Structures are given as C-alpha cells and as structure tokens.
C-alpha cells in the first residue's frame, strides 16, 4: 500500500492520479471517497490521462455511467444520486469490469469486493488534498 500524499493544487491531484492510472488495468475497481467538492472528478480526469483514455472527462452525475475508450476502457460511475444499494444492479458493474477499469465516485455507497481499492480524497483547504490508497497491488503508487 502506498503512503498518503498531499497535493497542492488540482493540477497536482490530476498528476498523482495519472501516475496511478499508468498502473491500472482491466478488472480494477477504484472506489473514490470524499465529500462534495473534494476533487473526485479531477482525480478521474488524471486517472484517465494516465491510462491513455480518450475523451473529455466530466462528472457523470446525471448519467450515472460514462465509458471512455482506450486500450483499457475506463467506466466513470457516479453514485451521488443513489442511496446505498439502490439501483446498483442496473449499473452492470461486473460487465464494466470485464470490459475495463471502473472508477466510482461516492464509492462508499457501494458494497464491493475485497479486491476494490478505496481512494480517499480529503480536502485540507481550498486547493490542497490528502490522497490515500487503501488496498490495491503493491505496484500501485503515486
């Protein structure tokens, strides 16, 4: 497990996520945890860049799922509008994981397997964030 880091700006948060994204592969499930405005979508933007995924990354709040193409596609899921356990079967997470990697905003609302990696994004002030990885392969780091 990687040690937590502190980023000083949204750009640094994206860069840290991009470094992690270079190690993410098919079947990887990342559960993003953090309060509203913590930087979860910013994190996914960097993750996608590190994975070499195409497309403009935006919050999928009103769509629930956006899939970005790449050699390993990235499914970006947002559970903000869903309560714990509600409608999760409709998302077909297993199918998304078979096809590529999945990053879930508000991931604490999802009961997931032990293989899931929790990415905790903690705002320290307006620009700085503490990023922590809970789980994941040893090769994953910032």
N, C-alpha and C. Protein backbone atom coordinates (compact mmCIF):
# COMPACT_ATOMS: atom_id res chain seq x y z
N UNK A 1 0.84 -1.17 0.00
CA UNK A 1 0.00 0.00 0.00
C UNK A 1 0.89 1.24 0.00
N UNK A 2 0.51 2.20 -0.78
CA UNK A 2 1.24 3.44 -0.93
C UNK A 2 0.96 4.38 0.24
N UNK A 3 1.95 5.16 0.63
CA UNK A 3 1.76 6.16 1.68
C UNK A 3 0.87 7.29 1.14
N UNK A 4 0.03 7.88 2.00
CA UNK A 4 -0.77 9.03 1.56
C UNK A 4 0.15 10.18 1.12
N UNK A 5 -0.37 10.99 0.21
CA UNK A 5 0.37 12.17 -0.23
C UNK A 5 -0.53 13.38 -0.10
N UNK A 6 0.07 14.56 -0.11
CA UNK A 6 -0.67 15.82 -0.12
C UNK A 6 -0.35 16.52 -1.42
N UNK A 7 -1.41 16.89 -2.15
CA UNK A 7 -1.24 17.65 -3.39
C UNK A 7 -1.56 19.11 -3.09
N UNK A 8 -0.89 20.01 -3.80
CA UNK A 8 -1.02 21.44 -3.52
C UNK A 8 -1.98 22.16 -4.45
N UNK A 9 -2.51 21.45 -5.47
CA UNK A 9 -3.39 22.08 -6.45
C UNK A 9 -4.17 21.01 -7.20
N UNK A 10 -5.24 21.41 -7.91
CA UNK A 10 -5.95 20.44 -8.74
C UNK A 10 -5.03 19.79 -9.77
N UNK A 11 -4.09 20.55 -10.31
CA UNK A 11 -3.16 20.01 -11.30
C UNK A 11 -2.28 18.92 -10.68
N UNK A 12 -1.85 19.11 -9.45
CA UNK A 12 -1.05 18.08 -8.77
C UNK A 12 -1.89 16.85 -8.45
N UNK A 13 -3.16 17.06 -8.13
CA UNK A 13 -4.06 15.93 -7.89
C UNK A 13 -4.21 15.12 -9.17
N UNK A 14 -4.42 15.81 -10.29
CA UNK A 14 -4.51 15.12 -11.59
C UNK A 14 -3.23 14.37 -11.92
N UNK A 15 -2.09 14.99 -11.65
CA UNK A 15 -0.80 14.35 -11.96
C UNK A 15 -0.60 13.09 -11.11
N UNK A 16 -0.96 13.14 -9.84
CA UNK A 16 -0.84 11.95 -8.98
C UNK A 16 -1.75 10.84 -9.50
N UNK A 17 -2.97 11.20 -9.88
CA UNK A 17 -3.91 10.22 -10.42
C UNK A 17 -3.40 9.64 -11.74
N UNK A 18 -2.75 10.47 -12.56
CA UNK A 18 -2.20 9.99 -13.83
C UNK A 18 -1.09 8.96 -13.59
N UNK A 19 -0.26 9.21 -12.58
CA UNK A 19 0.79 8.23 -12.27
C UNK A 19 0.17 6.90 -11.85
N UNK A 20 -0.90 6.97 -11.06
CA UNK A 20 -1.61 5.75 -10.67
C UNK A 20 -2.27 5.11 -11.89
N UNK A 21 -2.86 5.92 -12.74
CA UNK A 21 -3.55 5.42 -13.93
C UNK A 21 -2.67 4.60 -14.83
N UNK A 22 -1.39 4.90 -14.84
CA UNK A 22 -0.45 4.13 -15.67
C UNK A 22 -0.34 2.68 -15.20
N UNK A 23 -0.82 2.40 -13.99
CA UNK A 23 -0.72 1.05 -13.41
C UNK A 23 -2.08 0.33 -13.36
N UNK A 24 -3.15 1.02 -13.72
CA UNK A 24 -4.49 0.47 -13.64
C UNK A 24 -4.79 -0.36 -14.88
N UNK A 25 -5.46 -1.49 -14.68
CA UNK A 25 -5.77 -2.37 -15.80
C UNK A 25 -7.20 -2.89 -15.76
N UNK A 26 -7.49 -3.71 -16.73
CA UNK A 26 -8.82 -4.34 -16.85
C UNK A 26 -9.17 -5.07 -15.56
N UNK A 27 -10.40 -4.86 -15.09
CA UNK A 27 -10.87 -5.52 -13.88
C UNK A 27 -10.59 -4.77 -12.59
N UNK A 28 -9.87 -3.65 -12.66
CA UNK A 28 -9.57 -2.87 -11.45
C UNK A 28 -10.76 -1.97 -11.10
N UNK A 29 -11.13 -2.00 -9.83
CA UNK A 29 -12.24 -1.20 -9.31
C UNK A 29 -11.71 -0.23 -8.28
N UNK A 30 -11.87 1.06 -8.54
CA UNK A 30 -11.44 2.11 -7.62
C UNK A 30 -12.67 2.81 -7.07
N UNK A 31 -12.80 2.80 -5.76
CA UNK A 31 -13.92 3.45 -5.08
C UNK A 31 -13.41 4.78 -4.53
N UNK A 32 -13.90 5.87 -5.09
CA UNK A 32 -13.45 7.20 -4.67
C UNK A 32 -14.35 7.70 -3.55
N UNK A 33 -13.71 8.10 -2.45
CA UNK A 33 -14.43 8.54 -1.26
C UNK A 33 -13.96 9.95 -0.93
N UNK A 34 -14.91 10.84 -0.75
CA UNK A 34 -14.60 12.22 -0.38
C UNK A 34 -15.86 13.05 -0.42
N UNK A 35 -15.86 14.12 0.34
CA UNK A 35 -17.04 14.96 0.42
C UNK A 35 -17.29 15.68 -0.91
N UNK A 36 -18.45 16.30 -1.02
CA UNK A 36 -18.80 17.08 -2.20
C UNK A 36 -17.73 18.15 -2.42
N UNK A 37 -17.19 18.22 -3.62
CA UNK A 37 -16.16 19.20 -3.93
C UNK A 37 -14.75 18.77 -3.56
N UNK A 38 -14.57 17.53 -3.14
CA UNK A 38 -13.25 17.05 -2.71
C UNK A 38 -12.27 16.93 -3.87
N UNK A 39 -12.78 16.72 -5.07
CA UNK A 39 -11.90 16.57 -6.22
C UNK A 39 -11.96 15.20 -6.87
N UNK A 40 -13.07 14.51 -6.69
CA UNK A 40 -13.19 13.16 -7.24
C UNK A 40 -13.15 13.17 -8.77
N UNK A 41 -13.87 14.10 -9.41
CA UNK A 41 -13.85 14.17 -10.87
C UNK A 41 -12.48 14.62 -11.36
N UNK A 42 -11.85 15.53 -10.67
CA UNK A 42 -10.48 15.94 -11.01
C UNK A 42 -9.56 14.73 -10.97
N UNK A 43 -9.72 13.90 -9.96
CA UNK A 43 -8.92 12.69 -9.83
C UNK A 43 -9.15 11.77 -11.04
N UNK A 44 -10.41 11.56 -11.41
CA UNK A 44 -10.72 10.66 -12.54
C UNK A 44 -10.16 11.23 -13.83
N UNK A 45 -10.16 12.56 -14.00
CA UNK A 45 -9.57 13.18 -15.19
C UNK A 45 -8.09 12.79 -15.31
N UNK A 46 -7.37 12.85 -14.21
CA UNK A 46 -5.96 12.46 -14.21
C UNK A 46 -5.78 10.96 -14.42
N UNK A 47 -6.62 10.18 -13.78
CA UNK A 47 -6.58 8.72 -13.92
C UNK A 47 -6.73 8.34 -15.39
N UNK A 48 -7.72 8.94 -16.05
CA UNK A 48 -7.97 8.67 -17.46
C UNK A 48 -6.75 9.04 -18.31
N UNK A 49 -6.16 10.18 -18.02
CA UNK A 49 -4.97 10.60 -18.77
C UNK A 49 -3.84 9.59 -18.61
N UNK A 50 -3.63 9.12 -17.39
CA UNK A 50 -2.57 8.14 -17.14
C UNK A 50 -2.83 6.81 -17.80
N UNK A 51 -4.10 6.48 -18.01
CA UNK A 51 -4.47 5.23 -18.67
C UNK A 51 -4.43 5.36 -20.19
N UNK A 52 -4.23 6.59 -20.69
CA UNK A 52 -4.24 6.80 -22.13
C UNK A 52 -5.64 6.75 -22.71
N UNK A 53 -6.63 7.07 -21.88
CA UNK A 53 -8.03 7.01 -22.27
C UNK A 53 -8.42 8.31 -22.95
N UNK A 54 -9.22 8.19 -24.04
CA UNK A 54 -9.64 9.37 -24.77
C UNK A 54 -10.95 9.94 -24.26
N UNK A 55 -11.22 11.17 -24.65
CA UNK A 55 -12.49 11.82 -24.32
C UNK A 55 -12.35 12.84 -23.22
N UNK A 56 -13.32 13.76 -23.20
CA UNK A 56 -13.39 14.81 -22.18
C UNK A 56 -14.02 14.21 -20.93
N UNK A 57 -13.30 14.16 -19.83
CA UNK A 57 -13.82 13.58 -18.59
C UNK A 57 -14.61 14.64 -17.83
N UNK A 58 -15.89 14.34 -17.63
CA UNK A 58 -16.77 15.21 -16.86
C UNK A 58 -17.54 14.34 -15.87
N UNK A 59 -18.14 14.97 -14.89
CA UNK A 59 -18.89 14.22 -13.89
C UNK A 59 -20.09 13.54 -14.53
N UNK A 60 -20.29 12.25 -14.27
CA UNK A 60 -21.44 11.55 -14.83
C UNK A 60 -22.67 11.58 -13.92
N UNK A 61 -22.80 12.59 -13.08
CA UNK A 61 -23.85 12.63 -12.06
C UNK A 61 -25.24 12.34 -12.63
N UNK A 62 -25.56 12.92 -13.78
CA UNK A 62 -26.92 12.75 -14.30
C UNK A 62 -27.04 11.56 -15.25
N UNK A 63 -25.93 10.96 -15.65
CA UNK A 63 -25.93 9.78 -16.49
C UNK A 63 -25.65 8.52 -15.69
N UNK A 64 -25.06 8.65 -14.54
CA UNK A 64 -24.59 7.58 -13.66
C UNK A 64 -23.32 6.93 -14.18
N UNK A 65 -23.22 6.61 -15.47
CA UNK A 65 -22.03 5.94 -16.01
C UNK A 65 -21.62 6.58 -17.33
N UNK A 66 -20.34 6.88 -17.46
CA UNK A 66 -19.73 7.28 -18.74
C UNK A 66 -18.58 6.32 -18.98
N UNK A 67 -18.46 5.85 -20.20
CA UNK A 67 -17.35 4.96 -20.55
C UNK A 67 -16.47 5.68 -21.55
N UNK A 68 -15.17 5.75 -21.22
CA UNK A 68 -14.18 6.41 -22.07
C UNK A 68 -13.34 5.33 -22.75
N UNK A 69 -13.19 5.43 -24.08
CA UNK A 69 -12.46 4.39 -24.83
C UNK A 69 -10.96 4.46 -24.61
N UNK A 70 -10.32 3.33 -24.74
CA UNK A 70 -8.87 3.23 -24.64
C UNK A 70 -8.48 1.77 -24.76
N UNK A 71 -7.17 1.48 -24.73
CA UNK A 71 -6.75 0.08 -24.77
C UNK A 71 -7.35 -0.68 -23.58
N UNK A 72 -7.47 0.01 -22.44
CA UNK A 72 -8.28 -0.47 -21.31
C UNK A 72 -9.32 0.62 -21.08
N UNK A 73 -10.57 0.39 -21.50
CA UNK A 73 -11.60 1.42 -21.31
C UNK A 73 -11.78 1.75 -19.82
N UNK A 74 -12.19 2.98 -19.57
CA UNK A 74 -12.46 3.42 -18.20
C UNK A 74 -13.93 3.77 -18.07
N UNK A 75 -14.62 3.09 -17.17
CA UNK A 75 -16.00 3.43 -16.83
C UNK A 75 -15.96 4.35 -15.61
N UNK A 76 -16.58 5.51 -15.74
CA UNK A 76 -16.63 6.51 -14.68
C UNK A 76 -18.07 6.51 -14.16
N UNK A 77 -18.25 6.08 -12.92
CA UNK A 77 -19.57 5.91 -12.32
C UNK A 77 -19.72 6.93 -11.19
N UNK A 78 -20.91 7.53 -11.09
CA UNK A 78 -21.18 8.48 -10.02
C UNK A 78 -22.44 8.04 -9.29
N UNK A 79 -22.31 7.74 -8.00
CA UNK A 79 -23.43 7.24 -7.20
C UNK A 79 -24.06 8.33 -6.34
N UNK A 80 -23.74 9.59 -6.59
CA UNK A 80 -24.21 10.68 -5.74
C UNK A 80 -25.73 10.66 -5.57
N UNK A 81 -26.46 10.43 -6.65
CA UNK A 81 -27.92 10.48 -6.59
C UNK A 81 -28.55 9.19 -6.07
N UNK A 82 -27.73 8.16 -5.84
CA UNK A 82 -28.27 6.88 -5.39
C UNK A 82 -27.99 6.66 -3.91
N UNK A 83 -28.94 6.09 -3.22
CA UNK A 83 -28.73 5.71 -1.83
C UNK A 83 -27.98 4.38 -1.80
N UNK A 84 -27.47 4.00 -0.66
CA UNK A 84 -26.75 2.72 -0.55
C UNK A 84 -27.61 1.56 -1.05
N UNK A 85 -27.06 0.79 -1.99
CA UNK A 85 -27.73 -0.40 -2.51
C UNK A 85 -28.79 -0.14 -3.56
N UNK A 86 -29.21 1.10 -3.75
CA UNK A 86 -30.29 1.41 -4.68
C UNK A 86 -29.81 1.35 -6.13
N UNK A 87 -30.52 0.64 -6.97
CA UNK A 87 -30.31 0.59 -8.41
C UNK A 87 -28.91 0.14 -8.83
N UNK A 88 -28.11 -0.36 -7.92
CA UNK A 88 -26.74 -0.72 -8.28
C UNK A 88 -26.70 -1.89 -9.26
N UNK A 89 -27.66 -2.78 -9.18
CA UNK A 89 -27.69 -3.92 -10.10
C UNK A 89 -27.85 -3.42 -11.53
N UNK A 90 -28.54 -2.30 -11.72
CA UNK A 90 -28.76 -1.75 -13.06
C UNK A 90 -27.48 -1.22 -13.71
N UNK A 91 -26.45 -0.98 -12.93
CA UNK A 91 -25.21 -0.42 -13.47
C UNK A 91 -24.35 -1.46 -14.17
N UNK A 92 -24.58 -2.75 -13.93
CA UNK A 92 -23.81 -3.84 -14.53
C UNK A 92 -22.31 -3.65 -14.28
N UNK A 93 -21.93 -3.48 -13.01
CA UNK A 93 -20.52 -3.29 -12.68
C UNK A 93 -19.67 -4.48 -13.12
N UNK A 94 -20.21 -5.68 -13.02
CA UNK A 94 -19.43 -6.85 -13.45
C UNK A 94 -19.09 -6.76 -14.93
N UNK A 95 -20.06 -6.37 -15.73
CA UNK A 95 -19.81 -6.22 -17.17
C UNK A 95 -18.80 -5.11 -17.45
N UNK A 96 -18.91 -4.01 -16.70
CA UNK A 96 -17.96 -2.90 -16.88
C UNK A 96 -16.55 -3.33 -16.50
N UNK A 97 -16.43 -4.13 -15.43
CA UNK A 97 -15.11 -4.61 -15.00
C UNK A 97 -14.52 -5.62 -15.98
N UNK A 98 -15.38 -6.42 -16.62
CA UNK A 98 -14.90 -7.35 -17.64
C UNK A 98 -14.33 -6.60 -18.84
N UNK A 99 -14.92 -5.43 -19.13
CA UNK A 99 -14.51 -4.65 -20.30
C UNK A 99 -13.31 -3.75 -20.03
N UNK A 100 -13.13 -3.31 -18.77
CA UNK A 100 -12.06 -2.36 -18.47
C UNK A 100 -11.94 -2.10 -16.98
N UNK A 101 -11.49 -0.90 -16.66
CA UNK A 101 -11.37 -0.46 -15.27
C UNK A 101 -12.58 0.40 -14.92
N UNK A 102 -12.89 0.49 -13.63
CA UNK A 102 -14.04 1.26 -13.18
C UNK A 102 -13.62 2.16 -12.02
N UNK A 103 -13.96 3.45 -12.13
CA UNK A 103 -13.75 4.41 -11.05
C UNK A 103 -15.13 4.88 -10.60
N UNK A 104 -15.44 4.72 -9.31
CA UNK A 104 -16.77 5.03 -8.78
C UNK A 104 -16.69 6.20 -7.81
N UNK A 105 -17.29 7.34 -8.21
CA UNK A 105 -17.41 8.46 -7.28
C UNK A 105 -18.49 8.12 -6.26
N UNK A 106 -18.30 8.54 -5.02
CA UNK A 106 -19.17 8.19 -3.91
C UNK A 106 -19.14 6.67 -3.72
N UNK A 107 -17.95 6.11 -3.85
CA UNK A 107 -17.76 4.67 -3.77
C UNK A 107 -18.11 4.06 -2.44
N UNK A 108 -18.22 4.89 -1.39
CA UNK A 108 -18.61 4.36 -0.09
C UNK A 108 -20.07 3.93 -0.07
N UNK A 109 -20.82 4.25 -1.12
CA UNK A 109 -22.22 3.83 -1.22
C UNK A 109 -22.36 2.46 -1.87
N UNK A 110 -21.25 1.87 -2.25
CA UNK A 110 -21.25 0.60 -2.95
C UNK A 110 -20.65 -0.48 -2.08
N UNK A 111 -21.36 -1.58 -1.94
CA UNK A 111 -20.78 -2.73 -1.26
C UNK A 111 -20.00 -3.49 -2.32
N UNK A 112 -18.70 -3.47 -2.19
CA UNK A 112 -17.86 -4.06 -3.24
C UNK A 112 -16.98 -5.15 -2.66
N UNK A 113 -16.36 -5.87 -3.55
CA UNK A 113 -15.49 -6.97 -3.15
C UNK A 113 -14.25 -6.45 -2.43
N UNK A 114 -13.55 -7.38 -1.82
CA UNK A 114 -12.31 -7.03 -1.13
C UNK A 114 -11.23 -6.59 -2.11
N UNK A 115 -11.41 -6.90 -3.38
CA UNK A 115 -10.43 -6.51 -4.40
C UNK A 115 -10.51 -5.03 -4.76
N UNK A 116 -11.59 -4.37 -4.36
CA UNK A 116 -11.76 -2.95 -4.68
C UNK A 116 -10.71 -2.13 -3.92
N UNK A 117 -10.26 -1.07 -4.56
CA UNK A 117 -9.30 -0.14 -3.97
C UNK A 117 -10.04 1.13 -3.58
N UNK A 118 -9.93 1.51 -2.33
CA UNK A 118 -10.54 2.77 -1.88
C UNK A 118 -9.52 3.89 -2.04
N UNK A 119 -9.94 4.95 -2.73
CA UNK A 119 -9.12 6.15 -2.88
C UNK A 119 -9.82 7.24 -2.07
N UNK A 120 -9.20 7.62 -0.97
CA UNK A 120 -9.79 8.63 -0.09
C UNK A 120 -9.18 9.98 -0.44
N UNK A 121 -10.06 10.93 -0.76
CA UNK A 121 -9.64 12.29 -1.11
C UNK A 121 -10.15 13.22 -0.03
N UNK A 122 -9.22 13.78 0.73
CA UNK A 122 -9.57 14.62 1.87
C UNK A 122 -9.12 16.06 1.63
N UNK A 123 -10.06 16.99 1.51
CA UNK A 123 -9.67 18.40 1.37
C UNK A 123 -9.00 18.92 2.64
N UNK A 124 -7.86 19.56 2.48
CA UNK A 124 -7.18 20.18 3.61
C UNK A 124 -7.46 21.67 3.65
N UNK A 125 -7.65 22.26 2.49
CA UNK A 125 -8.08 23.65 2.34
C UNK A 125 -8.61 23.78 0.91
N UNK A 126 -8.74 24.99 0.42
CA UNK A 126 -9.35 25.20 -0.89
C UNK A 126 -8.62 24.49 -2.03
N UNK A 127 -7.31 24.35 -1.95
CA UNK A 127 -6.54 23.76 -3.05
C UNK A 127 -5.86 22.44 -2.70
N UNK A 128 -5.47 22.26 -1.46
CA UNK A 128 -4.70 21.08 -1.06
C UNK A 128 -5.58 19.90 -0.73
N UNK A 129 -5.11 18.70 -1.13
CA UNK A 129 -5.83 17.46 -0.86
C UNK A 129 -4.87 16.40 -0.34
N UNK A 130 -5.36 15.58 0.59
CA UNK A 130 -4.62 14.40 1.02
C UNK A 130 -5.23 13.23 0.27
N UNK A 131 -4.38 12.46 -0.44
CA UNK A 131 -4.82 11.30 -1.21
C UNK A 131 -4.28 10.05 -0.54
N UNK A 132 -5.17 9.10 -0.29
CA UNK A 132 -4.76 7.84 0.33
C UNK A 132 -5.34 6.67 -0.45
N UNK A 133 -4.50 5.66 -0.66
CA UNK A 133 -4.93 4.40 -1.29
C UNK A 133 -5.10 3.36 -0.21
N UNK A 134 -6.25 2.73 -0.17
CA UNK A 134 -6.50 1.63 0.75
C UNK A 134 -6.75 0.38 -0.08
N UNK A 135 -5.74 -0.48 -0.13
CA UNK A 135 -5.82 -1.68 -0.95
C UNK A 135 -5.08 -1.49 -2.26
N UNK A 136 -5.20 -2.48 -3.10
CA UNK A 136 -4.55 -2.41 -4.40
C UNK A 136 -3.22 -3.14 -4.40
N UNK A 137 -2.75 -3.47 -5.59
CA UNK A 137 -1.47 -4.18 -5.72
C UNK A 137 -0.30 -3.33 -5.21
N UNK A 138 0.76 -3.99 -4.82
CA UNK A 138 1.93 -3.26 -4.31
C UNK A 138 2.53 -2.33 -5.35
N UNK A 139 2.36 -2.66 -6.64
CA UNK A 139 2.95 -1.84 -7.70
C UNK A 139 2.25 -0.49 -7.84
N UNK A 140 1.10 -0.34 -7.21
CA UNK A 140 0.37 0.93 -7.29
C UNK A 140 0.99 1.94 -6.34
N UNK A 141 1.27 3.10 -6.87
CA UNK A 141 1.80 4.17 -6.04
C UNK A 141 1.54 5.50 -6.72
N UNK A 142 1.81 6.54 -6.01
CA UNK A 142 1.62 7.88 -6.54
C UNK A 142 2.83 8.28 -7.36
